[in-house]
Protein backbone atom coordinates (compact mmCIF):
# COMPACT_ATOMS: atom_id res chain seq x y z
CA UNK A 1 -35.75 3.07 4.49
CA UNK A 2 -32.42 3.98 4.15
CA UNK A 3 -29.56 3.00 1.46
CA UNK A 4 -26.73 1.41 2.93
CA UNK A 5 -23.61 3.42 2.05
CA UNK A 6 -21.21 3.05 -0.41
CA UNK A 7 -17.82 4.37 -1.09
CA UNK A 8 -16.70 5.05 -4.84
CA UNK A 9 -13.18 5.23 -6.48
CA UNK A 10 -13.32 6.51 -9.50
CA UNK A 11 -10.46 4.63 -12.21
CA UNK A 12 -9.90 6.13 -15.59
CA UNK A 13 -13.41 7.15 -16.36
CA UNK A 14 -16.02 5.10 -14.30
CA UNK A 15 -16.16 5.75 -10.64
CA UNK A 16 -16.24 2.34 -9.11
CA UNK A 17 -19.10 1.84 -6.41
CA UNK A 18 -18.19 -0.50 -2.99
CA UNK A 19 -20.10 -1.26 -0.26
CA UNK A 20 -19.10 -1.08 3.10
CA UNK A 21 -18.96 -4.65 3.10
CA UNK A 22 -16.94 -4.99 0.40
CA UNK A 23 -14.17 -2.34 1.71
CA UNK A 24 -13.84 -4.19 5.07
CA UNK A 25 -13.21 -7.20 2.63
CA UNK A 26 -10.47 -5.56 0.58
CA UNK A 27 -8.81 -3.99 3.94
CA UNK A 28 -8.94 -7.49 5.84
CA UNK A 29 -5.77 -9.31 3.61
CA UNK A 30 -3.91 -9.69 5.78
CA UNK A 31 -3.42 -8.94 9.94
CA UNK A 32 -0.27 -6.37 9.62
CA UNK A 33 -1.45 -3.01 8.07
CA UNK A 34 1.44 -1.90 5.17
CA UNK A 35 0.90 2.50 5.09
CA UNK A 36 2.51 4.37 2.00
CA UNK A 37 4.17 7.47 3.26
CA UNK A 38 4.88 8.69 0.30
CA UNK A 39 7.45 8.12 -3.18
CA UNK A 40 11.11 9.78 -2.75
CA UNK A 41 14.01 11.36 -5.25
CA UNK A 42 16.98 8.62 -4.36
CA UNK A 43 19.43 11.48 -3.46
CA UNK A 44 16.98 12.15 -0.54
CA UNK A 45 18.11 8.57 1.23
CA UNK A 46 21.04 8.88 3.42
CA UNK A 47 23.21 6.46 5.26
CA UNK A 48 22.97 7.64 8.51
CA UNK A 49 19.17 7.55 7.97
CA UNK A 50 19.63 3.85 8.43
CA UNK A 51 18.69 3.13 11.92
CA UNK A 52 17.72 -0.84 11.67
CA UNK A 53 17.90 -3.13 8.85
CA UNK A 54 15.01 -2.42 6.29
CA UNK A 55 12.59 -5.29 5.51
CA UNK A 56 11.54 -6.08 1.87
CA UNK A 57 7.83 -6.66 1.51
CA UNK A 58 7.03 -8.94 -2.11
CA UNK A 59 3.95 -10.14 -3.64
CA UNK A 60 2.29 -12.99 -3.01
CA UNK A 61 -0.22 -14.29 -5.83
CA UNK A 62 -1.38 -16.60 -3.83
CA UNK A 63 -3.42 -14.38 -1.98
CA UNK A 64 -3.63 -11.37 -4.17
CA UNK A 65 -3.63 -12.91 -7.22
CA UNK A 66 -1.92 -10.04 -9.74
CA UNK A 67 -0.02 -8.55 -7.35
CA UNK A 68 3.39 -9.65 -8.56
CA UNK A 69 2.74 -8.38 -12.02
CA UNK A 70 1.51 -5.10 -9.82
CA UNK A 71 4.56 -5.17 -7.99
CA UNK A 72 6.96 -5.52 -10.91
CA UNK A 73 5.72 -2.42 -12.48
CA UNK A 74 5.75 -0.83 -9.49
CA UNK A 75 9.74 -1.35 -9.18
CA UNK A 76 9.97 -0.85 -13.44
CA UNK A 77 8.76 2.71 -12.41
CA UNK A 78 10.82 2.96 -9.09
CA UNK A 79 13.79 2.36 -10.41
CA UNK A 80 13.40 4.03 -13.90
CA UNK A 81 11.92 7.71 -12.52
CA UNK A 82 14.93 6.97 -9.77
CA UNK A 83 12.73 7.34 -6.44
CA UNK A 84 11.83 4.96 -3.43
CA UNK A 85 8.76 4.29 -1.79
CA UNK A 86 8.21 5.51 2.39
CA UNK A 87 6.04 3.25 4.04
CA UNK A 88 5.92 1.72 7.66
CA UNK A 89 4.58 -1.71 8.22
CA UNK A 90 2.61 -2.45 10.95
CA UNK A 91 2.38 -6.26 12.11
CA UNK A 92 -0.07 -6.18 15.32
CA UNK A 93 -3.45 -3.95 14.78
CA UNK A 94 -3.50 -3.16 18.07
CA UNK A 95 -0.29 -1.17 17.77
CA UNK A 96 -1.22 2.51 16.64
CA UNK A 97 0.30 3.74 13.74
CA UNK A 98 2.14 6.33 13.13
CA UNK A 99 0.80 9.60 11.45
CA UNK A 100 3.08 12.57 9.26
C-alpha cells in the first residue's frame, strides 16, 4: 500500500513535514486569497501608479494566533529597509488570480 503524500518546508536546520490534509487546512484560513507578488523599493512607487484606493491588510489574532506579532515584525522591516510589499487580494474564490 502506498503511503499518503506528504509535503515539506525547510525551516532553519529542520524539515517540517505536512500531510496533504494539513496543507489544505492551512490554506483554508479565509475565503479570500492574498497572493504575494514581491517586495519593491519605495522609490519605485509613483503617484500615477495608483488606480484606486489601496486596501490595508491587518492581522487578527482571533483567527490566526501570532499574526499581529508577524505583521508588526514585517512592517518594521519594511520601514527599516524602505521597501513596500506588492500583493493581490482576491475576495471570491471563483475569480481567476492574475499571474505575473
